[in-house]
Amino acid sequence: MWVTPDSVPTVIAYGTHDKVCPFDSSRHLVQALKENHVPYEYFELPHSGHGLQNDSRIYRTYMDAVKEGLAKYLDDGDGKDADAE
């Protein structure tokens, strides 16, 4: 498995009707994140495919989580740890 305890915190969204990336792969990924104690947020879009196009409310919540995760974990270039504030 490609997930290790050193994997980065993750925000995941899967459309249950995805024909590009089989939906069951999301379950394997979530399980691997759990087993390795990697922080994650998981969003399941029950009416969407690969483009996450049919669940607007869940998609907006997912994108908010992505923005929050980026703000929390990425260095903004000031040389300070993002979690230190």
N, C-alpha and C. Protein backbone atom coordinates (compact mmCIF):
# COMPACT_ATOMS: atom_id res chain seq x y z
N MET A 1 0.86 -1.19 0.00
CA MET A 1 0.00 0.00 0.00
C MET A 1 0.89 1.23 0.00
N TRP A 2 0.47 2.26 -0.61
CA TRP A 2 1.23 3.49 -0.76
C TRP A 2 1.06 4.45 0.41
N VAL A 3 0.20 4.15 1.39
CA VAL A 3 -0.02 5.00 2.55
C VAL A 3 0.87 4.51 3.68
N THR A 4 1.58 5.45 4.32
CA THR A 4 2.43 5.13 5.46
C THR A 4 2.11 6.11 6.59
N PRO A 5 2.63 5.87 7.79
CA PRO A 5 2.42 6.83 8.88
C PRO A 5 2.96 8.23 8.56
N ASP A 6 3.84 8.32 7.57
CA ASP A 6 4.41 9.62 7.18
C ASP A 6 3.61 10.31 6.07
N SER A 7 2.52 9.71 5.63
CA SER A 7 1.71 10.32 4.57
C SER A 7 1.10 11.63 5.07
N VAL A 8 0.88 12.52 4.14
CA VAL A 8 0.35 13.84 4.50
C VAL A 8 -1.14 13.76 4.84
N PRO A 9 -1.63 14.67 5.69
CA PRO A 9 -3.07 14.75 5.93
C PRO A 9 -3.80 14.89 4.60
N THR A 10 -4.98 14.29 4.52
CA THR A 10 -5.65 14.12 3.24
C THR A 10 -7.12 14.50 3.29
N VAL A 11 -7.60 15.14 2.23
CA VAL A 11 -9.02 15.39 2.05
C VAL A 11 -9.42 14.66 0.77
N ILE A 12 -10.42 13.77 0.89
CA ILE A 12 -10.80 12.88 -0.20
C ILE A 12 -12.28 13.06 -0.53
N ALA A 13 -12.59 13.07 -1.81
CA ALA A 13 -13.99 13.06 -2.23
C ALA A 13 -14.14 12.03 -3.35
N TYR A 14 -15.15 11.21 -3.24
CA TYR A 14 -15.43 10.22 -4.27
C TYR A 14 -16.89 10.25 -4.66
N GLY A 15 -17.13 10.20 -5.95
CA GLY A 15 -18.49 10.03 -6.46
C GLY A 15 -18.79 8.54 -6.54
N THR A 16 -19.91 8.13 -6.01
CA THR A 16 -20.23 6.70 -5.98
C THR A 16 -20.48 6.12 -7.37
N HIS A 17 -20.68 6.97 -8.37
CA HIS A 17 -20.91 6.50 -9.75
C HIS A 17 -19.69 6.72 -10.64
N ASP A 18 -18.52 6.85 -10.03
CA ASP A 18 -17.28 7.08 -10.77
C ASP A 18 -16.94 5.87 -11.62
N LYS A 19 -16.76 6.09 -12.92
CA LYS A 19 -16.38 5.01 -13.83
C LYS A 19 -14.89 5.06 -14.17
N VAL A 20 -14.20 6.13 -13.74
CA VAL A 20 -12.77 6.26 -14.01
C VAL A 20 -11.96 5.63 -12.88
N CYS A 21 -12.30 5.97 -11.66
CA CYS A 21 -11.63 5.43 -10.48
C CYS A 21 -12.68 4.67 -9.68
N PRO A 22 -12.66 3.36 -9.71
CA PRO A 22 -13.71 2.59 -9.06
C PRO A 22 -13.95 3.01 -7.61
N PHE A 23 -15.22 3.15 -7.27
CA PHE A 23 -15.60 3.64 -5.95
C PHE A 23 -15.00 2.80 -4.82
N ASP A 24 -14.89 1.51 -4.99
CA ASP A 24 -14.32 0.66 -3.93
C ASP A 24 -12.89 1.05 -3.57
N SER A 25 -12.18 1.67 -4.50
CA SER A 25 -10.81 2.10 -4.19
C SER A 25 -10.81 3.15 -3.07
N SER A 26 -11.89 3.92 -2.96
CA SER A 26 -11.96 4.90 -1.88
C SER A 26 -11.98 4.21 -0.52
N ARG A 27 -12.64 3.09 -0.44
CA ARG A 27 -12.70 2.35 0.82
C ARG A 27 -11.32 1.82 1.22
N HIS A 28 -10.57 1.36 0.23
CA HIS A 28 -9.22 0.88 0.51
C HIS A 28 -8.34 2.03 0.99
N LEU A 29 -8.47 3.18 0.36
CA LEU A 29 -7.68 4.34 0.75
C LEU A 29 -8.03 4.79 2.16
N VAL A 30 -9.31 4.90 2.46
CA VAL A 30 -9.73 5.31 3.80
C VAL A 30 -9.22 4.32 4.85
N GLN A 31 -9.32 3.05 4.57
CA GLN A 31 -8.84 2.04 5.52
C GLN A 31 -7.34 2.17 5.74
N ALA A 32 -6.59 2.40 4.68
CA ALA A 32 -5.14 2.56 4.81
C ALA A 32 -4.79 3.81 5.63
N LEU A 33 -5.53 4.90 5.42
CA LEU A 33 -5.30 6.11 6.20
C LEU A 33 -5.58 5.85 7.68
N LYS A 34 -6.69 5.16 7.97
CA LYS A 34 -7.03 4.82 9.36
C LYS A 34 -5.94 3.97 10.00
N GLU A 35 -5.54 2.92 9.31
CA GLU A 35 -4.54 1.99 9.86
C GLU A 35 -3.21 2.68 10.13
N ASN A 36 -2.90 3.72 9.37
CA ASN A 36 -1.63 4.43 9.53
C ASN A 36 -1.76 5.71 10.34
N HIS A 37 -2.94 5.94 10.90
CA HIS A 37 -3.20 7.10 11.75
C HIS A 37 -2.90 8.43 11.06
N VAL A 38 -3.26 8.48 9.78
CA VAL A 38 -3.08 9.70 8.99
C VAL A 38 -4.37 10.52 9.09
N PRO A 39 -4.29 11.79 9.47
CA PRO A 39 -5.50 12.61 9.52
C PRO A 39 -6.13 12.72 8.12
N TYR A 40 -7.45 12.56 8.07
CA TYR A 40 -8.13 12.66 6.78
C TYR A 40 -9.57 13.11 6.99
N GLU A 41 -10.14 13.66 5.93
CA GLU A 41 -11.57 13.92 5.84
C GLU A 41 -12.05 13.24 4.57
N TYR A 42 -13.19 12.59 4.66
CA TYR A 42 -13.72 11.83 3.54
C TYR A 42 -15.13 12.31 3.20
N PHE A 43 -15.35 12.58 1.93
CA PHE A 43 -16.65 13.01 1.45
C PHE A 43 -17.11 12.05 0.36
N GLU A 44 -18.30 11.52 0.53
CA GLU A 44 -18.89 10.60 -0.44
C GLU A 44 -20.04 11.33 -1.13
N LEU A 45 -19.99 11.40 -2.45
CA LEU A 45 -21.01 12.10 -3.23
C LEU A 45 -21.89 11.05 -3.90
N PRO A 46 -23.08 10.82 -3.36
CA PRO A 46 -23.90 9.69 -3.79
C PRO A 46 -24.55 9.80 -5.16
N HIS A 47 -24.54 10.98 -5.75
CA HIS A 47 -25.19 11.14 -7.06
C HIS A 47 -24.20 11.55 -8.15
N SER A 48 -22.91 11.46 -7.85
CA SER A 48 -21.89 11.97 -8.76
C SER A 48 -20.99 10.88 -9.30
N GLY A 49 -20.35 11.22 -10.42
CA GLY A 49 -19.32 10.38 -11.00
C GLY A 49 -17.95 10.99 -10.71
N HIS A 50 -17.02 10.80 -11.64
CA HIS A 50 -15.64 11.24 -11.45
C HIS A 50 -15.52 12.76 -11.29
N GLY A 51 -16.41 13.51 -11.93
CA GLY A 51 -16.34 14.97 -11.87
C GLY A 51 -17.01 15.58 -10.66
N LEU A 52 -17.57 14.77 -9.79
CA LEU A 52 -18.24 15.24 -8.57
C LEU A 52 -19.29 16.30 -8.89
N GLN A 53 -20.03 16.09 -9.96
CA GLN A 53 -20.87 17.12 -10.55
C GLN A 53 -22.31 17.20 -10.06
N ASN A 54 -22.80 16.24 -9.32
CA ASN A 54 -24.24 16.21 -9.03
C ASN A 54 -24.61 16.36 -7.56
N ASP A 55 -23.69 16.75 -6.74
CA ASP A 55 -23.94 16.91 -5.30
C ASP A 55 -23.36 18.24 -4.84
N SER A 56 -23.99 19.32 -5.25
CA SER A 56 -23.43 20.66 -5.05
C SER A 56 -23.15 20.99 -3.59
N ARG A 57 -24.06 20.66 -2.70
CA ARG A 57 -23.87 21.00 -1.28
C ARG A 57 -22.66 20.26 -0.70
N ILE A 58 -22.57 18.95 -0.96
CA ILE A 58 -21.43 18.18 -0.45
C ILE A 58 -20.14 18.65 -1.11
N TYR A 59 -20.20 18.98 -2.39
CA TYR A 59 -19.01 19.46 -3.10
C TYR A 59 -18.50 20.75 -2.48
N ARG A 60 -19.40 21.67 -2.15
CA ARG A 60 -18.97 22.93 -1.50
C ARG A 60 -18.32 22.66 -0.15
N THR A 61 -18.90 21.74 0.62
CA THR A 61 -18.32 21.38 1.92
C THR A 61 -16.94 20.77 1.74
N TYR A 62 -16.80 19.91 0.73
CA TYR A 62 -15.51 19.32 0.41
C TYR A 62 -14.48 20.39 0.05
N MET A 63 -14.85 21.33 -0.81
CA MET A 63 -13.92 22.38 -1.20
C MET A 63 -13.54 23.27 -0.02
N ASP A 64 -14.47 23.52 0.89
CA ASP A 64 -14.14 24.27 2.11
C ASP A 64 -13.11 23.51 2.93
N ALA A 65 -13.26 22.19 3.02
CA ALA A 65 -12.30 21.37 3.76
C ALA A 65 -10.92 21.39 3.09
N VAL A 66 -10.90 21.40 1.76
CA VAL A 66 -9.63 21.49 1.03
C VAL A 66 -8.94 22.81 1.36
N LYS A 67 -9.69 23.91 1.30
CA LYS A 67 -9.12 25.22 1.62
C LYS A 67 -8.59 25.28 3.05
N GLU A 68 -9.35 24.73 3.98
CA GLU A 68 -8.92 24.72 5.38
C GLU A 68 -7.66 23.88 5.55
N GLY A 69 -7.62 22.73 4.88
CA GLY A 69 -6.44 21.87 4.96
C GLY A 69 -5.20 22.53 4.38
N LEU A 70 -5.36 23.19 3.25
CA LEU A 70 -4.22 23.89 2.65
C LEU A 70 -3.73 25.01 3.56
N ALA A 71 -4.66 25.75 4.13
CA ALA A 71 -4.27 26.84 5.03
C ALA A 71 -3.58 26.30 6.28
N LYS A 72 -4.02 25.16 6.75
CA LYS A 72 -3.45 24.59 7.98
C LYS A 72 -2.08 23.97 7.75
N TYR A 73 -1.90 23.25 6.66
CA TYR A 73 -0.71 22.43 6.50
C TYR A 73 0.35 22.96 5.54
N LEU A 74 0.03 23.96 4.73
CA LEU A 74 1.03 24.46 3.81
C LEU A 74 1.74 25.69 4.36
N ASP A 75 3.01 25.76 4.09
CA ASP A 75 3.82 26.91 4.46
C ASP A 75 3.45 28.08 3.56
N ASP A 76 3.16 29.23 4.17
CA ASP A 76 2.77 30.39 3.36
C ASP A 76 3.98 31.23 2.92
N GLY A 77 5.17 30.70 3.16
CA GLY A 77 6.37 31.37 2.70
C GLY A 77 6.99 32.32 3.70
N ASP A 78 6.39 32.46 4.89
CA ASP A 78 6.94 33.38 5.87
C ASP A 78 7.99 32.73 6.78
N GLY A 79 8.26 31.43 6.55
CA GLY A 79 9.27 30.75 7.34
C GLY A 79 8.74 30.20 8.66
N LYS A 80 7.47 30.41 8.96
CA LYS A 80 6.88 29.92 10.19
C LYS A 80 6.09 28.65 9.92
N ASP A 81 6.04 27.78 10.92
CA ASP A 81 5.24 26.56 10.83
C ASP A 81 3.76 26.95 10.78
N ALA A 82 3.01 26.40 9.84
CA ALA A 82 1.59 26.75 9.69
C ALA A 82 0.79 26.40 10.93
N ASP A 83 1.19 25.36 11.68
CA ASP A 83 0.47 24.95 12.88
C ASP A 83 0.88 25.76 14.10
N ALA A 84 1.91 26.56 14.01
CA ALA A 84 2.42 27.29 15.18
C ALA A 84 1.52 28.45 15.59
N GLU A 85 0.67 28.90 14.71
CA GLU A 85 -0.17 30.06 15.03
C GLU A 85 -1.38 29.72 15.81
